[in-house]
């Protein structure tokens, strides 16, 4: 055994490491024409982080608004067949508004749909036109594809299922997401004031904060 191997070997009484943060950073997209793909994702309004060119080679890195993860594609980047990345989920806070924004950018987007059986997953055989009739989080969808056929699935997410995010952290990816959350909290708070007899709630900032944090973490919402 070499000295390096001895140094790398954990001690018998060493504590077992806790789970380390492992953040999804970049998704590789297989494309046939880098320039055409770059034009498309720029058209979507995604942030261009990297555009590296060297001779005929090009590598491009885009980030969707409000997302911590990004996409990357380029010359010789992915061994997969162009268009083989299918139904990658994009969470949006308002499915109708998100679809309208893409249509306004000239993107071909499906109509909004939901699962007629009430499911929270994408089932092509159970598609029903329109958003989920009960307005449930995770239950309304729309799809679009890039020029190579890599497809994306928009999913409306307003309230997270329990355990889906760190309950000690509340954050919003964009001002639009924050505004939507404030609107939902405002509507719920109006109902709260009505139940309380209609009197003005001087502690409404605390109530809003508790509601918005609980909505993100999947905890019971305040009444």
Protein backbone atom coordinates (compact mmCIF):
# COMPACT_ATOMS: atom_id res chain seq x y z
CA UNK A 1 0.00 0.00 0.00
CA UNK A 2 1.38 3.39 -0.96
CA UNK A 3 1.69 6.38 1.35
CA UNK A 4 -1.05 8.16 -0.63
CA UNK A 5 -3.45 5.23 -0.16
CA UNK A 6 -2.75 5.20 3.57
CA UNK A 7 -3.51 8.93 3.80
CA UNK A 8 -6.77 8.48 1.86
CA UNK A 9 -7.92 5.57 4.00
CA UNK A 10 -10.51 6.66 6.65
CA UNK A 11 -9.70 5.98 10.28
CA UNK A 12 -11.70 3.17 11.91
CA UNK A 13 -13.19 5.54 14.46
CA UNK A 14 -13.83 8.35 11.98
CA UNK A 15 -17.42 9.69 12.14
CA UNK A 16 -19.70 8.74 9.29
CA UNK A 17 -20.11 11.87 7.15
CA UNK A 18 -23.55 13.43 6.97
CA UNK A 19 -25.29 13.87 3.64
CA UNK A 20 -23.46 16.43 1.55
CA UNK A 21 -25.18 19.00 -0.61
CA UNK A 22 -25.37 17.60 -4.14
CA UNK A 23 -27.00 20.19 -6.35
CA UNK A 24 -28.21 19.41 -9.85
CA UNK A 25 -26.13 21.84 -11.87
CA UNK A 26 -26.21 21.19 -15.61
CA UNK A 27 -28.29 19.08 -17.99
CA UNK A 28 -26.58 18.15 -21.26
CA UNK A 29 -28.85 18.55 -24.28
CA UNK A 30 -28.12 16.57 -27.45
CA UNK A 31 -28.53 18.85 -30.47
CA UNK A 32 -27.57 18.59 -34.12
CA UNK A 33 -27.14 22.29 -34.84
CA UNK A 34 -25.62 24.30 -31.99
CA UNK A 35 -26.31 27.67 -33.61
CA UNK A 36 -29.97 26.87 -34.23
CA UNK A 37 -30.41 25.55 -30.69
CA UNK A 38 -28.74 28.63 -29.21
CA UNK A 39 -31.10 30.90 -31.15
CA UNK A 40 -34.08 28.93 -29.83
CA UNK A 41 -33.11 29.05 -26.15
CA UNK A 42 -32.22 32.72 -26.46
CA UNK A 43 -35.70 33.22 -27.94
CA UNK A 44 -37.15 31.65 -24.79
CA UNK A 45 -35.49 34.39 -22.75
CA UNK A 46 -33.16 32.02 -20.91
CA UNK A 47 -29.97 33.61 -19.55
CA UNK A 48 -26.87 33.03 -21.66
CA UNK A 49 -24.06 32.14 -19.23
CA UNK A 50 -21.39 30.74 -21.56
CA UNK A 51 -20.84 31.02 -25.29
CA UNK A 52 -17.39 29.59 -26.00
CA UNK A 53 -16.20 29.36 -29.60
CA UNK A 54 -12.99 27.89 -30.88
CA UNK A 55 -12.76 27.45 -34.62
CA UNK A 56 -15.84 25.55 -35.74
CA UNK A 57 -16.55 24.28 -32.21
CA UNK A 58 -19.03 26.01 -29.92
CA UNK A 59 -20.26 25.30 -26.38
CA UNK A 60 -23.29 27.16 -25.01
CA UNK A 61 -24.70 27.29 -21.48
CA UNK A 62 -28.21 28.65 -20.71
CA UNK A 63 -30.17 29.00 -17.45
CA UNK A 64 -33.99 29.23 -17.32
CA UNK A 65 -35.25 32.26 -15.36
CA UNK A 66 -35.45 31.45 -11.65
CA UNK A 67 -33.69 28.09 -12.01
CA UNK A 68 -30.65 26.93 -10.08
CA UNK A 69 -29.88 24.32 -12.76
CA UNK A 70 -28.84 25.03 -16.33
CA UNK A 71 -28.60 23.38 -19.73
CA UNK A 72 -25.49 23.02 -21.86
CA UNK A 73 -25.03 21.89 -25.43
CA UNK A 74 -22.33 22.18 -28.01
CA UNK A 75 -20.06 20.51 -30.49
CA UNK A 76 -19.23 17.01 -29.31
CA UNK A 77 -20.65 17.60 -25.82
CA UNK A 78 -23.25 14.82 -25.64
CA UNK A 79 -22.95 11.24 -26.93
CA UNK A 80 -26.75 10.91 -27.09
CA UNK A 81 -28.79 11.23 -30.28
CA UNK A 82 -30.11 14.75 -30.98
CA UNK A 83 -33.62 15.15 -29.65
CA UNK A 84 -33.41 12.24 -27.21
CA UNK A 85 -33.89 14.38 -24.06
CA UNK A 86 -37.60 13.94 -23.47
CA UNK A 87 -40.09 15.60 -21.10
CA UNK A 88 -37.67 17.40 -18.84
CA UNK A 89 -39.80 19.10 -16.18
CA UNK A 90 -39.90 22.88 -15.80
CA UNK A 91 -41.82 24.08 -12.73
CA UNK A 92 -43.91 27.24 -13.18
CA UNK A 93 -46.15 29.05 -10.72
CA UNK A 94 -48.89 29.87 -13.26
CA UNK A 95 -49.30 27.42 -16.16
CA UNK A 96 -51.63 29.64 -18.17
CA UNK A 97 -49.37 32.68 -17.89
CA UNK A 98 -46.25 30.60 -18.64
CA UNK A 99 -47.84 29.18 -21.79
CA UNK A 100 -48.99 32.63 -22.90
CA UNK A 101 -45.47 34.02 -22.41
CA UNK A 102 -43.97 31.28 -24.62
CA UNK A 103 -46.61 31.75 -27.31
CA UNK A 104 -45.83 35.48 -27.31
CA UNK A 105 -42.20 34.58 -28.03
CA UNK A 106 -43.24 32.53 -31.06
CA UNK A 107 -42.80 29.12 -29.43
CA UNK A 108 -45.15 26.28 -30.38
CA UNK A 109 -46.67 25.11 -27.08
CA UNK A 110 -49.40 22.55 -26.46
CA UNK A 111 -52.65 23.59 -24.87
CA UNK A 112 -52.71 23.35 -21.09
CA UNK A 113 -53.91 19.93 -19.97
CA UNK A 114 -54.42 17.77 -16.89
CA UNK A 115 -54.84 14.08 -16.08
CA UNK A 116 -58.53 13.19 -16.32
CA UNK A 117 -57.98 10.52 -13.64
CA UNK A 118 -56.78 13.13 -11.18
CA UNK A 119 -53.13 12.08 -11.27
CA UNK A 120 -50.13 14.26 -10.57
CA UNK A 121 -47.98 12.72 -13.28
CA UNK A 122 -47.85 13.11 -17.04
CA UNK A 123 -49.88 10.28 -18.63
CA UNK A 124 -50.28 10.72 -22.41
CA UNK A 125 -53.30 8.38 -22.40
CA UNK A 126 -55.18 10.39 -19.79
CA UNK A 127 -54.80 13.94 -21.10
CA UNK A 128 -57.78 16.23 -20.61
CA UNK A 129 -57.87 19.77 -22.00
CA UNK A 130 -57.52 22.69 -19.62
CA UNK A 131 -55.87 23.20 -16.23
CA UNK A 132 -56.68 20.86 -13.36
CA UNK A 133 -60.30 21.72 -12.44
CA UNK A 134 -59.49 21.74 -8.72
CA UNK A 135 -56.43 23.96 -9.17
CA UNK A 136 -54.17 21.43 -7.47
CA UNK A 137 -50.44 21.95 -7.39
CA UNK A 138 -48.45 19.57 -9.67
CA UNK A 139 -51.56 18.69 -11.71
CA UNK A 140 -51.55 21.05 -14.75
CA UNK A 141 -49.18 20.72 -17.70
CA UNK A 142 -48.12 21.95 -21.14
CA UNK A 143 -45.35 20.79 -23.47
CA UNK A 144 -43.01 22.26 -26.06
CA UNK A 145 -39.92 21.12 -27.94
CA UNK A 146 -36.73 22.65 -29.28
CA UNK A 147 -35.83 22.40 -33.00
CA UNK A 148 -34.16 18.98 -32.47
CA UNK A 149 -37.18 17.54 -30.66
CA UNK A 150 -35.81 17.70 -27.11
CA UNK A 151 -39.09 18.15 -25.22
CA UNK A 152 -39.98 20.09 -22.09
CA UNK A 153 -42.92 19.61 -19.74
CA UNK A 154 -44.23 22.67 -17.95
CA UNK A 155 -45.77 21.71 -14.61
CA UNK A 156 -47.65 24.16 -12.42
CA UNK A 157 -46.28 24.01 -8.87
CA UNK A 158 -47.82 26.35 -6.31
CA UNK A 159 -47.67 24.35 -3.06
CA UNK A 160 -44.92 21.79 -2.51
CA UNK A 161 -45.66 18.33 -1.19
CA UNK A 162 -44.28 17.82 2.34
CA UNK A 163 -40.56 17.11 2.42
CA UNK A 164 -39.88 18.46 -1.05
CA UNK A 165 -37.81 21.44 0.09
CA UNK A 166 -35.77 22.46 3.12
CA UNK A 167 -38.39 23.69 5.58
CA UNK A 168 -35.92 26.15 7.06
CA UNK A 169 -35.38 28.00 3.79
CA UNK A 170 -37.90 30.12 1.89
CA UNK A 171 -36.87 31.58 -1.44
CA UNK A 172 -38.27 32.63 -4.78
CA UNK A 173 -36.53 32.24 -8.10
CA UNK A 174 -37.91 35.43 -9.62
CA UNK A 175 -39.97 38.51 -8.85
CA UNK A 176 -42.82 36.93 -10.83
CA UNK A 177 -42.83 33.86 -8.55
CA UNK A 178 -42.77 36.11 -5.48
CA UNK A 179 -45.65 38.20 -6.85
CA UNK A 180 -47.72 35.06 -7.51
CA UNK A 181 -47.03 33.84 -3.97
CA UNK A 182 -48.10 37.21 -2.55
CA UNK A 183 -51.34 37.07 -4.55
CA UNK A 184 -52.17 33.60 -3.22
CA UNK A 185 -51.31 34.70 0.33
CA UNK A 186 -53.42 37.84 -0.11
CA UNK A 187 -56.44 35.83 -1.20
CA UNK A 188 -56.02 33.36 1.66
CA UNK A 189 -55.54 36.20 4.15
CA UNK A 190 -58.76 37.84 3.00
CA UNK A 191 -60.57 34.60 3.82
CA UNK A 192 -58.73 34.52 7.17
CA UNK A 193 -59.96 38.03 8.02
CA UNK A 194 -63.53 37.09 7.03
CA UNK A 195 -63.44 34.08 9.35
CA UNK A 196 -62.14 36.35 12.11
CA UNK A 197 -65.14 38.66 11.78
CA UNK A 198 -63.84 41.02 9.12
CA UNK A 199 -61.62 43.11 11.37
CA UNK A 200 -58.33 44.44 9.99
CA UNK A 201 -55.44 42.15 10.92
CA UNK A 202 -52.58 44.36 12.11
CA UNK A 203 -50.31 41.29 12.13
CA UNK A 204 -50.87 40.54 8.45
CA UNK A 205 -47.12 40.61 7.61
CA UNK A 206 -46.52 37.75 10.07
CA UNK A 207 -49.49 35.83 8.66
CA UNK A 208 -48.27 36.34 5.08
CA UNK A 209 -44.77 35.17 6.02
CA UNK A 210 -46.09 32.06 7.76
CA UNK A 211 -48.41 31.24 4.85
CA UNK A 212 -45.74 31.67 2.16
CA UNK A 213 -43.17 29.63 4.08
CA UNK A 214 -45.67 26.83 4.75
CA UNK A 215 -46.79 26.81 1.12
CA UNK A 216 -43.23 26.30 -0.08
CA UNK A 217 -42.35 23.60 2.43
CA UNK A 218 -45.62 21.69 2.20
CA UNK A 219 -46.45 22.32 5.88
CA UNK A 220 -50.10 22.86 6.95
CA UNK A 221 -51.27 26.30 5.85
CA UNK A 222 -52.43 28.77 8.50
CA UNK A 223 -56.15 29.43 8.69
